[in-house]
N, C-alpha and C. Protein backbone atom coordinates (compact mmCIF):
# COMPACT_ATOMS: atom_id res chain seq x y z
N MET A 1 195.53 -105.26 -3.64
CA MET A 1 194.68 -104.07 -3.71
C MET A 1 193.54 -104.21 -2.71
N CYS A 2 193.30 -103.16 -1.96
CA CYS A 2 192.28 -103.20 -0.91
C CYS A 2 190.88 -103.34 -1.51
N GLN A 3 190.03 -104.00 -0.77
CA GLN A 3 188.66 -104.21 -1.21
C GLN A 3 187.86 -102.91 -1.15
N LEU A 4 186.99 -102.73 -2.12
CA LEU A 4 186.09 -101.58 -2.19
C LEU A 4 184.71 -102.00 -1.72
N VAL A 5 183.89 -101.00 -1.38
CA VAL A 5 182.54 -101.30 -0.91
C VAL A 5 181.56 -100.23 -1.38
N GLU A 6 180.37 -100.66 -1.71
CA GLU A 6 179.25 -99.76 -1.91
C GLU A 6 178.20 -100.09 -0.85
N SER A 7 177.78 -99.08 -0.10
CA SER A 7 176.72 -99.24 0.90
C SER A 7 175.45 -98.63 0.33
N ILE A 8 174.43 -99.45 0.18
CA ILE A 8 173.23 -99.06 -0.56
C ILE A 8 172.00 -99.22 0.31
N LYS A 9 171.10 -98.27 0.22
CA LYS A 9 169.88 -98.29 1.02
C LYS A 9 168.82 -99.17 0.35
N LEU A 10 168.29 -100.09 1.13
CA LEU A 10 167.20 -100.95 0.69
C LEU A 10 166.01 -100.69 1.60
N LYS A 11 164.96 -100.12 1.07
CA LYS A 11 163.80 -99.76 1.87
C LYS A 11 162.54 -100.38 1.28
N ASP A 12 161.91 -101.23 2.09
CA ASP A 12 160.69 -101.92 1.67
C ASP A 12 160.83 -102.57 0.30
N GLY A 13 161.96 -103.23 0.12
CA GLY A 13 162.19 -103.99 -1.11
C GLY A 13 162.72 -103.20 -2.28
N LYS A 14 162.90 -101.88 -2.09
CA LYS A 14 163.35 -101.04 -3.20
C LYS A 14 164.78 -100.56 -2.94
N ILE A 15 165.65 -100.75 -3.93
CA ILE A 15 167.03 -100.27 -3.86
C ILE A 15 167.03 -98.81 -4.30
N LEU A 16 167.58 -97.93 -3.46
CA LEU A 16 167.55 -96.50 -3.73
C LEU A 16 168.85 -96.00 -4.35
N HIS A 17 168.71 -95.10 -5.30
CA HIS A 17 169.84 -94.43 -5.96
C HIS A 17 170.83 -95.41 -6.58
N LEU A 18 170.31 -96.47 -7.16
CA LEU A 18 171.19 -97.51 -7.71
C LEU A 18 172.12 -96.96 -8.79
N SER A 19 171.62 -96.06 -9.64
CA SER A 19 172.44 -95.54 -10.74
C SER A 19 173.64 -94.75 -10.20
N TYR A 20 173.46 -94.07 -9.06
CA TYR A 20 174.56 -93.30 -8.47
C TYR A 20 175.64 -94.25 -7.95
N HIS A 21 175.21 -95.33 -7.35
CA HIS A 21 176.18 -96.33 -6.87
C HIS A 21 176.88 -97.02 -8.04
N GLN A 22 176.12 -97.30 -9.10
CA GLN A 22 176.71 -97.92 -10.28
C GLN A 22 177.77 -97.01 -10.90
N ASN A 23 177.46 -95.73 -10.98
CA ASN A 23 178.41 -94.78 -11.57
C ASN A 23 179.69 -94.69 -10.74
N ARG A 24 179.54 -94.65 -9.41
CA ARG A 24 180.73 -94.57 -8.57
C ARG A 24 181.55 -95.85 -8.67
N MET A 25 180.88 -96.98 -8.71
CA MET A 25 181.58 -98.24 -8.86
C MET A 25 182.34 -98.28 -10.18
N ASN A 26 181.70 -97.83 -11.25
CA ASN A 26 182.37 -97.80 -12.56
C ASN A 26 183.64 -96.95 -12.52
N ARG A 27 183.54 -95.78 -11.90
CA ARG A 27 184.70 -94.88 -11.81
C ARG A 27 185.82 -95.51 -10.99
N SER A 28 185.46 -96.16 -9.90
CA SER A 28 186.46 -96.79 -9.04
C SER A 28 187.19 -97.92 -9.75
N VAL A 29 186.43 -98.78 -10.40
CA VAL A 29 187.03 -99.91 -11.12
C VAL A 29 187.91 -99.40 -12.26
N GLU A 30 187.46 -98.39 -12.96
CA GLU A 30 188.25 -97.84 -14.07
C GLU A 30 189.55 -97.24 -13.57
N GLU A 31 189.51 -96.58 -12.41
CA GLU A 31 190.74 -95.99 -11.86
C GLU A 31 191.73 -97.05 -11.42
N LEU A 32 191.25 -98.09 -10.76
CA LEU A 32 192.14 -99.10 -10.19
C LEU A 32 192.47 -100.23 -11.15
N TYR A 33 191.53 -100.54 -12.03
CA TYR A 33 191.71 -101.68 -12.95
C TYR A 33 191.34 -101.25 -14.36
N PRO A 34 192.16 -100.40 -14.98
CA PRO A 34 191.83 -99.93 -16.34
C PRO A 34 191.59 -101.09 -17.30
N GLY A 35 190.51 -100.98 -18.05
CA GLY A 35 190.19 -102.02 -19.02
C GLY A 35 189.40 -103.19 -18.48
N ALA A 36 189.13 -103.20 -17.17
CA ALA A 36 188.34 -104.29 -16.59
C ALA A 36 186.91 -104.25 -17.12
N ARG A 37 186.29 -105.40 -17.15
CA ARG A 37 184.90 -105.46 -17.62
C ARG A 37 183.99 -104.76 -16.61
N PRO A 38 182.99 -104.00 -17.08
CA PRO A 38 182.06 -103.32 -16.17
C PRO A 38 181.27 -104.32 -15.32
N ILE A 39 180.95 -103.92 -14.13
CA ILE A 39 180.14 -104.74 -13.22
C ILE A 39 178.70 -104.28 -13.30
N ASP A 40 177.79 -105.20 -13.43
CA ASP A 40 176.36 -104.87 -13.45
C ASP A 40 175.83 -105.02 -12.03
N LEU A 41 175.69 -103.90 -11.35
CA LEU A 41 175.29 -103.91 -9.94
C LEU A 41 173.88 -104.44 -9.75
N ALA A 42 172.98 -104.08 -10.64
CA ALA A 42 171.58 -104.51 -10.51
C ALA A 42 171.46 -106.03 -10.55
N LYS A 43 172.24 -106.67 -11.39
CA LYS A 43 172.18 -108.13 -11.49
C LYS A 43 172.78 -108.81 -10.27
N ALA A 44 173.70 -108.12 -9.62
CA ALA A 44 174.42 -108.73 -8.50
C ALA A 44 173.61 -108.74 -7.21
N ILE A 45 172.63 -107.85 -7.10
CA ILE A 45 171.87 -107.73 -5.85
C ILE A 45 170.55 -108.49 -5.97
N VAL A 46 170.45 -109.56 -5.24
CA VAL A 46 169.22 -110.36 -5.18
C VAL A 46 168.63 -110.17 -3.79
N ILE A 47 167.40 -109.71 -3.74
CA ILE A 47 166.77 -109.40 -2.45
C ILE A 47 165.93 -110.59 -1.98
N PRO A 48 166.34 -111.25 -0.91
CA PRO A 48 165.54 -112.37 -0.38
C PRO A 48 164.17 -111.89 0.09
N GLU A 49 163.21 -112.79 0.12
CA GLU A 49 161.84 -112.44 0.47
C GLU A 49 161.75 -111.79 1.85
N ASN A 50 162.55 -112.26 2.80
CA ASN A 50 162.46 -111.74 4.17
C ASN A 50 163.15 -110.39 4.35
N PHE A 51 163.67 -109.80 3.26
CA PHE A 51 164.27 -108.47 3.31
C PHE A 51 163.45 -107.46 2.50
N ARG A 52 162.20 -107.76 2.26
CA ARG A 52 161.38 -106.90 1.40
C ARG A 52 160.50 -105.92 2.18
N THR A 53 160.58 -105.99 3.50
CA THR A 53 159.86 -105.03 4.34
C THR A 53 160.81 -104.51 5.40
N GLY A 54 160.92 -103.18 5.50
CA GLY A 54 161.81 -102.58 6.48
C GLY A 54 163.00 -101.91 5.84
N LEU A 55 163.94 -101.48 6.68
CA LEU A 55 165.11 -100.74 6.23
C LEU A 55 166.37 -101.59 6.41
N PHE A 56 167.15 -101.71 5.33
CA PHE A 56 168.35 -102.53 5.35
C PHE A 56 169.50 -101.83 4.64
N LYS A 57 170.71 -102.20 5.04
CA LYS A 57 171.90 -101.74 4.33
C LYS A 57 172.45 -102.90 3.50
N VAL A 58 172.62 -102.65 2.21
CA VAL A 58 173.23 -103.62 1.32
C VAL A 58 174.70 -103.22 1.15
N ARG A 59 175.61 -104.12 1.49
CA ARG A 59 177.05 -103.86 1.31
C ARG A 59 177.56 -104.75 0.18
N VAL A 60 178.01 -104.09 -0.88
CA VAL A 60 178.56 -104.81 -2.02
C VAL A 60 180.07 -104.68 -1.96
N LEU A 61 180.76 -105.80 -1.74
CA LEU A 61 182.22 -105.83 -1.63
C LEU A 61 182.80 -106.28 -2.96
N TYR A 62 183.77 -105.51 -3.46
CA TYR A 62 184.26 -105.81 -4.80
C TYR A 62 185.70 -105.34 -5.00
N ARG A 63 186.31 -105.90 -6.03
CA ARG A 63 187.56 -105.40 -6.61
C ARG A 63 187.27 -105.28 -8.11
N GLN A 64 187.87 -106.15 -8.92
CA GLN A 64 187.53 -106.14 -10.36
C GLN A 64 186.14 -106.74 -10.60
N THR A 65 185.74 -107.60 -9.69
CA THR A 65 184.42 -108.22 -9.75
C THR A 65 183.80 -108.17 -8.36
N ILE A 66 182.54 -108.41 -8.27
CA ILE A 66 181.86 -108.43 -6.97
C ILE A 66 182.25 -109.71 -6.24
N GLU A 67 182.68 -109.55 -5.00
CA GLU A 67 183.14 -110.69 -4.21
C GLU A 67 182.13 -111.13 -3.16
N LYS A 68 181.28 -110.21 -2.73
CA LYS A 68 180.30 -110.56 -1.70
C LYS A 68 179.22 -109.49 -1.63
N VAL A 69 177.99 -109.93 -1.34
CA VAL A 69 176.89 -109.01 -1.09
C VAL A 69 176.28 -109.35 0.26
N GLU A 70 176.25 -108.36 1.16
CA GLU A 70 175.69 -108.55 2.50
C GLU A 70 174.46 -107.65 2.66
N ILE A 71 173.44 -108.16 3.34
CA ILE A 71 172.25 -107.36 3.63
C ILE A 71 171.96 -107.47 5.13
N ASP A 72 171.92 -106.32 5.80
CA ASP A 72 171.70 -106.31 7.24
C ASP A 72 170.70 -105.22 7.61
N PRO A 73 169.94 -105.43 8.71
CA PRO A 73 169.05 -104.37 9.20
C PRO A 73 169.85 -103.11 9.52
N TYR A 74 169.23 -101.95 9.34
CA TYR A 74 169.93 -100.69 9.59
C TYR A 74 169.24 -99.91 10.69
N ASN A 75 170.03 -99.39 11.61
CA ASN A 75 169.52 -98.51 12.67
C ASN A 75 170.27 -97.19 12.61
N PHE A 76 169.53 -96.09 12.72
CA PHE A 76 170.14 -94.77 12.65
C PHE A 76 170.98 -94.50 13.90
N ARG A 77 172.13 -93.86 13.71
CA ARG A 77 172.98 -93.44 14.82
C ARG A 77 172.46 -92.13 15.40
N THR A 78 172.59 -91.98 16.71
CA THR A 78 172.25 -90.71 17.36
C THR A 78 173.47 -89.81 17.33
N ILE A 79 173.32 -88.63 16.74
CA ILE A 79 174.42 -87.67 16.66
C ILE A 79 173.92 -86.33 17.17
N GLN A 80 174.52 -85.86 18.25
CA GLN A 80 174.10 -84.61 18.87
C GLN A 80 175.26 -83.62 19.02
N SER A 81 176.49 -84.06 18.79
CA SER A 81 177.64 -83.17 18.93
C SER A 81 178.76 -83.65 18.02
N LEU A 82 179.60 -82.70 17.61
CA LEU A 82 180.68 -82.99 16.67
C LEU A 82 181.99 -82.38 17.17
N LYS A 83 183.07 -83.14 17.03
CA LYS A 83 184.40 -82.69 17.42
C LYS A 83 185.21 -82.39 16.16
N VAL A 84 185.83 -81.22 16.11
CA VAL A 84 186.68 -80.86 14.98
C VAL A 84 188.04 -81.51 15.14
N VAL A 85 188.48 -82.27 14.11
CA VAL A 85 189.79 -82.92 14.13
C VAL A 85 190.53 -82.59 12.83
N GLN A 86 191.84 -82.70 12.87
CA GLN A 86 192.68 -82.31 11.74
C GLN A 86 193.45 -83.51 11.17
N HIS A 87 193.57 -83.52 9.84
CA HIS A 87 194.50 -84.47 9.19
C HIS A 87 194.87 -83.87 7.83
N GLU A 88 196.15 -83.64 7.64
CA GLU A 88 196.58 -82.89 6.45
C GLU A 88 196.77 -83.74 5.20
N SER A 89 196.80 -85.07 5.32
CA SER A 89 197.10 -85.89 4.14
C SER A 89 196.09 -87.01 3.91
N ILE A 90 194.98 -87.00 4.62
CA ILE A 90 194.00 -88.07 4.47
C ILE A 90 193.46 -88.12 3.04
N ASP A 91 193.31 -89.33 2.51
CA ASP A 91 192.76 -89.53 1.17
C ASP A 91 191.77 -90.69 1.24
N TYR A 92 190.52 -90.38 0.97
CA TYR A 92 189.49 -91.44 0.96
C TYR A 92 188.54 -91.19 -0.22
N HIS A 93 189.11 -90.86 -1.38
CA HIS A 93 188.26 -90.55 -2.54
C HIS A 93 187.65 -91.79 -3.16
N LEU A 94 188.21 -92.98 -2.81
CA LEU A 94 187.59 -94.25 -3.19
C LEU A 94 187.07 -94.90 -1.91
N LYS A 95 185.92 -95.55 -2.03
CA LYS A 95 185.26 -96.11 -0.85
C LYS A 95 185.82 -97.49 -0.53
N TYR A 96 186.93 -97.50 0.18
CA TYR A 96 187.57 -98.74 0.59
C TYR A 96 186.94 -99.29 1.86
N THR A 97 187.05 -100.61 2.02
CA THR A 97 186.63 -101.21 3.29
C THR A 97 187.63 -100.86 4.40
N ASP A 98 188.88 -100.60 4.04
CA ASP A 98 189.90 -100.20 5.01
C ASP A 98 189.68 -98.73 5.40
N ARG A 99 189.17 -98.53 6.61
CA ARG A 99 188.88 -97.18 7.09
C ARG A 99 189.73 -96.85 8.33
N GLU A 100 190.95 -97.43 8.38
CA GLU A 100 191.78 -97.31 9.57
C GLU A 100 192.04 -95.85 9.94
N ILE A 101 192.39 -95.02 8.95
CA ILE A 101 192.69 -93.62 9.26
C ILE A 101 191.44 -92.90 9.77
N LEU A 102 190.28 -93.23 9.23
CA LEU A 102 189.03 -92.64 9.70
C LEU A 102 188.72 -93.10 11.12
N GLN A 103 188.99 -94.37 11.39
CA GLN A 103 188.79 -94.90 12.74
C GLN A 103 189.69 -94.18 13.75
N GLN A 104 190.92 -93.91 13.35
CA GLN A 104 191.85 -93.20 14.24
C GLN A 104 191.34 -91.79 14.55
N LEU A 105 190.82 -91.11 13.54
CA LEU A 105 190.29 -89.76 13.75
C LEU A 105 189.01 -89.81 14.59
N PHE A 106 188.18 -90.81 14.35
CA PHE A 106 186.93 -90.97 15.11
C PHE A 106 187.23 -91.19 16.59
N ALA A 107 188.33 -91.84 16.87
CA ALA A 107 188.73 -92.11 18.26
C ALA A 107 189.09 -90.84 19.01
N LEU A 108 189.29 -89.74 18.29
CA LEU A 108 189.64 -88.46 18.91
C LEU A 108 188.41 -87.63 19.30
N ARG A 109 187.23 -88.20 19.13
CA ARG A 109 185.99 -87.42 19.31
C ARG A 109 185.69 -87.07 20.77
N GLY A 110 186.36 -87.72 21.72
CA GLY A 110 186.10 -87.43 23.13
C GLY A 110 184.68 -87.80 23.50
N ASN A 111 183.95 -86.84 24.09
CA ASN A 111 182.56 -87.08 24.49
C ASN A 111 181.56 -86.81 23.38
N CYS A 112 182.05 -86.42 22.21
CA CYS A 112 181.15 -86.12 21.09
C CYS A 112 180.74 -87.41 20.38
N ASN A 113 179.68 -87.31 19.59
CA ASN A 113 179.17 -88.47 18.85
C ASN A 113 179.88 -88.71 17.53
N ASP A 114 180.44 -87.64 16.95
CA ASP A 114 181.05 -87.77 15.63
C ASP A 114 182.08 -86.65 15.47
N ILE A 115 182.67 -86.57 14.28
CA ILE A 115 183.77 -85.64 14.03
C ILE A 115 183.52 -84.81 12.77
N ILE A 116 184.20 -83.68 12.70
CA ILE A 116 184.33 -82.90 11.47
C ILE A 116 185.82 -82.94 11.11
N ILE A 117 186.14 -83.48 9.94
CA ILE A 117 187.53 -83.63 9.54
C ILE A 117 187.96 -82.41 8.73
N ILE A 118 189.04 -81.76 9.19
CA ILE A 118 189.62 -80.61 8.50
C ILE A 118 190.90 -81.06 7.81
N LYS A 119 191.02 -80.74 6.52
CA LYS A 119 192.23 -81.05 5.76
C LYS A 119 192.73 -79.78 5.10
N ASN A 120 193.94 -79.38 5.43
CA ASN A 120 194.53 -78.16 4.87
C ASN A 120 193.63 -76.94 5.07
N GLY A 121 193.00 -76.88 6.24
CA GLY A 121 192.16 -75.74 6.59
C GLY A 121 190.74 -75.81 6.06
N LEU A 122 190.44 -76.83 5.26
CA LEU A 122 189.13 -76.94 4.62
C LEU A 122 188.29 -78.04 5.26
N VAL A 123 186.99 -77.79 5.38
CA VAL A 123 186.06 -78.78 5.92
C VAL A 123 185.86 -79.88 4.88
N THR A 124 185.89 -81.14 5.34
CA THR A 124 185.67 -82.26 4.42
C THR A 124 184.38 -83.01 4.81
N ASP A 125 184.52 -84.07 5.59
CA ASP A 125 183.39 -84.93 5.95
C ASP A 125 183.39 -85.22 7.44
N SER A 126 182.40 -85.99 7.87
CA SER A 126 182.42 -86.59 9.20
C SER A 126 182.99 -88.00 9.06
N PHE A 127 182.84 -88.81 10.09
CA PHE A 127 183.38 -90.17 10.06
C PHE A 127 182.76 -91.00 8.93
N ALA A 128 181.45 -90.92 8.77
CA ALA A 128 180.78 -91.76 7.77
C ALA A 128 179.68 -91.01 7.02
N ALA A 129 179.82 -89.69 6.91
CA ALA A 129 178.77 -88.92 6.25
C ALA A 129 179.35 -87.66 5.62
N ASN A 130 178.69 -87.20 4.58
CA ASN A 130 178.95 -85.87 4.05
C ASN A 130 178.25 -84.85 4.93
N LEU A 131 178.80 -83.65 4.97
CA LEU A 131 178.27 -82.61 5.85
C LEU A 131 177.50 -81.56 5.05
N LEU A 132 176.43 -81.06 5.66
CA LEU A 132 175.67 -79.94 5.12
C LEU A 132 175.65 -78.83 6.16
N PHE A 133 175.73 -77.59 5.72
CA PHE A 133 175.72 -76.43 6.62
C PHE A 133 174.58 -75.51 6.24
N PHE A 134 173.80 -75.07 7.23
CA PHE A 134 172.66 -74.19 6.98
C PHE A 134 173.03 -72.76 7.34
N ASP A 135 172.88 -71.84 6.37
CA ASP A 135 173.29 -70.46 6.59
C ASP A 135 172.12 -69.52 6.91
N GLY A 136 170.94 -70.11 7.13
CA GLY A 136 169.76 -69.31 7.39
C GLY A 136 168.81 -69.29 6.20
N GLN A 137 169.36 -69.58 5.02
CA GLN A 137 168.55 -69.65 3.80
C GLN A 137 168.76 -70.96 3.04
N ASN A 138 170.01 -71.35 2.89
CA ASN A 138 170.34 -72.52 2.08
C ASN A 138 171.18 -73.53 2.87
N TRP A 139 171.05 -74.79 2.44
CA TRP A 139 171.95 -75.83 2.91
C TRP A 139 173.07 -75.94 1.89
N VAL A 140 174.32 -75.83 2.37
CA VAL A 140 175.47 -75.94 1.48
C VAL A 140 176.37 -77.08 1.95
N THR A 141 177.10 -77.65 1.00
CA THR A 141 178.01 -78.75 1.32
C THR A 141 179.41 -78.36 0.86
N PRO A 142 180.44 -78.75 1.60
CA PRO A 142 181.80 -78.37 1.21
C PRO A 142 182.17 -78.86 -0.19
N THR A 143 182.97 -78.06 -0.88
CA THR A 143 183.48 -78.47 -2.19
C THR A 143 184.59 -79.50 -2.06
N THR A 144 185.00 -79.77 -0.81
CA THR A 144 186.18 -80.63 -0.58
C THR A 144 185.84 -81.86 0.25
N PRO A 145 184.83 -82.65 -0.12
CA PRO A 145 184.55 -83.87 0.67
C PRO A 145 185.67 -84.88 0.48
N LEU A 146 185.85 -85.73 1.47
CA LEU A 146 186.79 -86.84 1.30
C LEU A 146 186.25 -87.82 0.26
N LEU A 147 184.94 -88.06 0.33
CA LEU A 147 184.27 -88.99 -0.58
C LEU A 147 183.01 -88.31 -1.11
N LYS A 148 182.87 -88.30 -2.42
CA LYS A 148 181.67 -87.71 -3.02
C LYS A 148 180.53 -88.71 -2.92
N GLY A 149 179.71 -88.54 -1.89
CA GLY A 149 178.65 -89.50 -1.60
C GLY A 149 177.52 -89.48 -2.62
N THR A 150 176.82 -90.58 -2.70
CA THR A 150 175.73 -90.70 -3.66
C THR A 150 174.55 -89.81 -3.27
N GLN A 151 174.24 -89.72 -1.98
CA GLN A 151 173.15 -88.85 -1.52
C GLN A 151 173.51 -87.38 -1.78
N ARG A 152 174.76 -87.03 -1.52
CA ARG A 152 175.25 -85.68 -1.79
C ARG A 152 175.07 -85.33 -3.26
N GLN A 153 175.48 -86.24 -4.14
CA GLN A 153 175.38 -86.00 -5.57
C GLN A 153 173.92 -85.85 -6.00
N PHE A 154 173.05 -86.68 -5.47
CA PHE A 154 171.62 -86.61 -5.78
C PHE A 154 171.04 -85.25 -5.37
N LEU A 155 171.37 -84.80 -4.15
CA LEU A 155 170.83 -83.54 -3.65
C LEU A 155 171.37 -82.34 -4.44
N LEU A 156 172.62 -82.41 -4.86
CA LEU A 156 173.18 -81.35 -5.70
C LEU A 156 172.46 -81.29 -7.05
N GLU A 157 172.25 -82.44 -7.66
CA GLU A 157 171.59 -82.47 -8.97
C GLU A 157 170.15 -82.02 -8.89
N GLN A 158 169.51 -82.25 -7.74
CA GLN A 158 168.12 -81.83 -7.55
C GLN A 158 168.01 -80.35 -7.16
N GLY A 159 169.14 -79.71 -6.88
CA GLY A 159 169.13 -78.31 -6.47
C GLY A 159 168.69 -78.10 -5.04
N ILE A 160 168.68 -79.16 -4.25
CA ILE A 160 168.25 -79.07 -2.85
C ILE A 160 169.36 -78.49 -1.99
N ILE A 161 170.61 -78.77 -2.37
CA ILE A 161 171.76 -78.21 -1.66
C ILE A 161 172.69 -77.54 -2.67
N LEU A 162 173.59 -76.71 -2.17
CA LEU A 162 174.58 -76.03 -3.01
C LEU A 162 175.98 -76.41 -2.54
N GLU A 163 176.96 -76.22 -3.42
CA GLU A 163 178.36 -76.47 -3.08
C GLU A 163 179.05 -75.15 -2.77
N LYS A 164 179.92 -75.18 -1.77
CA LYS A 164 180.66 -73.97 -1.40
C LYS A 164 181.93 -74.36 -0.65
N GLU A 165 183.00 -73.63 -0.89
CA GLU A 165 184.20 -73.86 -0.09
C GLU A 165 183.92 -73.42 1.35
N ILE A 166 184.20 -74.30 2.30
CA ILE A 166 183.98 -73.98 3.71
C ILE A 166 185.29 -74.23 4.45
N ARG A 167 185.83 -73.19 5.02
CA ARG A 167 187.06 -73.28 5.79
C ARG A 167 186.73 -73.51 7.26
N GLU A 168 187.70 -73.97 8.01
CA GLU A 168 187.46 -74.23 9.43
C GLU A 168 186.91 -73.00 10.14
N GLU A 169 187.47 -71.84 9.82
CA GLU A 169 187.03 -70.62 10.50
C GLU A 169 185.63 -70.17 10.08
N ASP A 170 185.09 -70.77 9.00
CA ASP A 170 183.74 -70.43 8.55
C ASP A 170 182.65 -71.16 9.33
N ILE A 171 183.01 -72.23 10.01
CA ILE A 171 182.01 -73.10 10.63
C ILE A 171 181.05 -72.32 11.51
N ARG A 172 181.58 -71.43 12.34
CA ARG A 172 180.75 -70.68 13.30
C ARG A 172 179.80 -69.70 12.63
N SER A 173 180.00 -69.43 11.35
CA SER A 173 179.10 -68.50 10.66
C SER A 173 177.80 -69.17 10.23
N TYR A 174 177.73 -70.49 10.37
CA TYR A 174 176.52 -71.24 10.03
C TYR A 174 175.67 -71.49 11.27
N GLN A 175 174.40 -71.83 11.05
CA GLN A 175 173.48 -72.04 12.16
C GLN A 175 173.40 -73.51 12.59
N LYS A 176 173.41 -74.40 11.58
CA LYS A 176 173.21 -75.82 11.85
C LYS A 176 174.06 -76.65 10.91
N ILE A 177 174.32 -77.89 11.31
CA ILE A 177 175.02 -78.85 10.47
C ILE A 177 174.18 -80.12 10.37
N GLY A 178 174.05 -80.65 9.15
CA GLY A 178 173.36 -81.91 8.93
C GLY A 178 174.33 -82.95 8.39
N LEU A 179 174.01 -84.21 8.61
CA LEU A 179 174.86 -85.31 8.13
C LEU A 179 174.05 -86.23 7.24
N ILE A 180 174.55 -86.47 6.04
CA ILE A 180 173.86 -87.33 5.07
C ILE A 180 174.81 -88.41 4.57
N ASN A 181 174.25 -89.53 4.20
CA ASN A 181 174.98 -90.55 3.46
C ASN A 181 173.97 -91.41 2.71
N ALA A 182 174.44 -92.49 2.13
CA ALA A 182 173.54 -93.32 1.32
C ALA A 182 172.36 -93.85 2.12
N MET A 183 172.54 -94.01 3.42
CA MET A 183 171.48 -94.55 4.26
C MET A 183 170.62 -93.47 4.91
N VAL A 184 171.10 -92.23 4.90
CA VAL A 184 170.41 -91.15 5.62
C VAL A 184 170.04 -90.04 4.64
N ASP A 185 168.74 -89.94 4.34
CA ASP A 185 168.23 -88.95 3.41
C ASP A 185 168.21 -87.56 4.03
N PHE A 186 168.05 -86.57 3.18
CA PHE A 186 167.97 -85.17 3.62
C PHE A 186 166.85 -84.98 4.65
N ASP A 187 165.70 -85.60 4.41
CA ASP A 187 164.54 -85.40 5.28
C ASP A 187 164.67 -86.07 6.64
N GLU A 188 165.62 -86.98 6.79
CA GLU A 188 165.75 -87.71 8.06
C GLU A 188 167.13 -87.56 8.68
N MET A 189 167.93 -86.65 8.15
CA MET A 189 169.30 -86.50 8.65
C MET A 189 169.33 -85.89 10.05
N PRO A 190 170.31 -86.28 10.87
CA PRO A 190 170.50 -85.60 12.15
C PRO A 190 170.96 -84.17 11.90
N VAL A 191 170.41 -83.23 12.65
CA VAL A 191 170.78 -81.82 12.52
C VAL A 191 171.30 -81.34 13.87
N ILE A 192 172.49 -80.76 13.85
CA ILE A 192 173.18 -80.36 15.07
C ILE A 192 173.32 -78.84 15.10
N ASN A 193 172.97 -78.23 16.21
CA ASN A 193 173.16 -76.80 16.38
C ASN A 193 174.66 -76.47 16.37
N ILE A 194 175.01 -75.36 15.77
CA ILE A 194 176.42 -75.01 15.64
C ILE A 194 177.10 -74.89 17.01
N ASN A 195 176.34 -74.61 18.05
CA ASN A 195 176.90 -74.51 19.40
C ASN A 195 177.33 -75.86 19.96
N SER A 196 176.94 -76.94 19.27
CA SER A 196 177.31 -78.28 19.72
C SER A 196 178.57 -78.78 19.03
N ILE A 197 179.32 -77.85 18.42
CA ILE A 197 180.60 -78.18 17.81
C ILE A 197 181.71 -77.94 18.83
N VAL A 198 182.60 -78.91 19.00
CA VAL A 198 183.68 -78.81 19.97
C VAL A 198 185.01 -78.72 19.24
N TYR A 199 185.86 -77.80 19.66
CA TYR A 199 187.18 -77.63 19.04
C TYR A 199 188.28 -78.20 19.94
């Protein structure tokens, strides 16, 4: 069974959205290993003194139990353009370390910085982020993400974003696209003008 991963934001010594990561981990373990003992994520993450100032990514690698915890400095990616790519059978509803199919799609980006993945005519995600679309009043996120991200779930519960079915042909009706994930909050997400989308 392939290894799973949780990527968690550590900022100035504080682990962010831990309960969301714990819930996703619980669901993943229950799906793949029914009856397995729950993993206590909070106990597994020990923050060394030299990681208590600044921004870091915590990667928790696990199957039935946690196998490794990595902490590394995090730098934001520059994203200014997106390439629309298609895949009709991609499945990434569990956060596996094996991202080969995503890597293959990312390789199709050409001169763009990232991709928009279309599955069966519906907008899903980018290479490593959930997508948000601005319609002039609200930020909406597709109802069909490949992976239901923790930041996405937090923003939905807070009422900051809304869910909506977005088809490929709907993309041009929006003004801007934002990219969020566990490491990139709503307030700091890259925002791309819709004219910077390449088909």
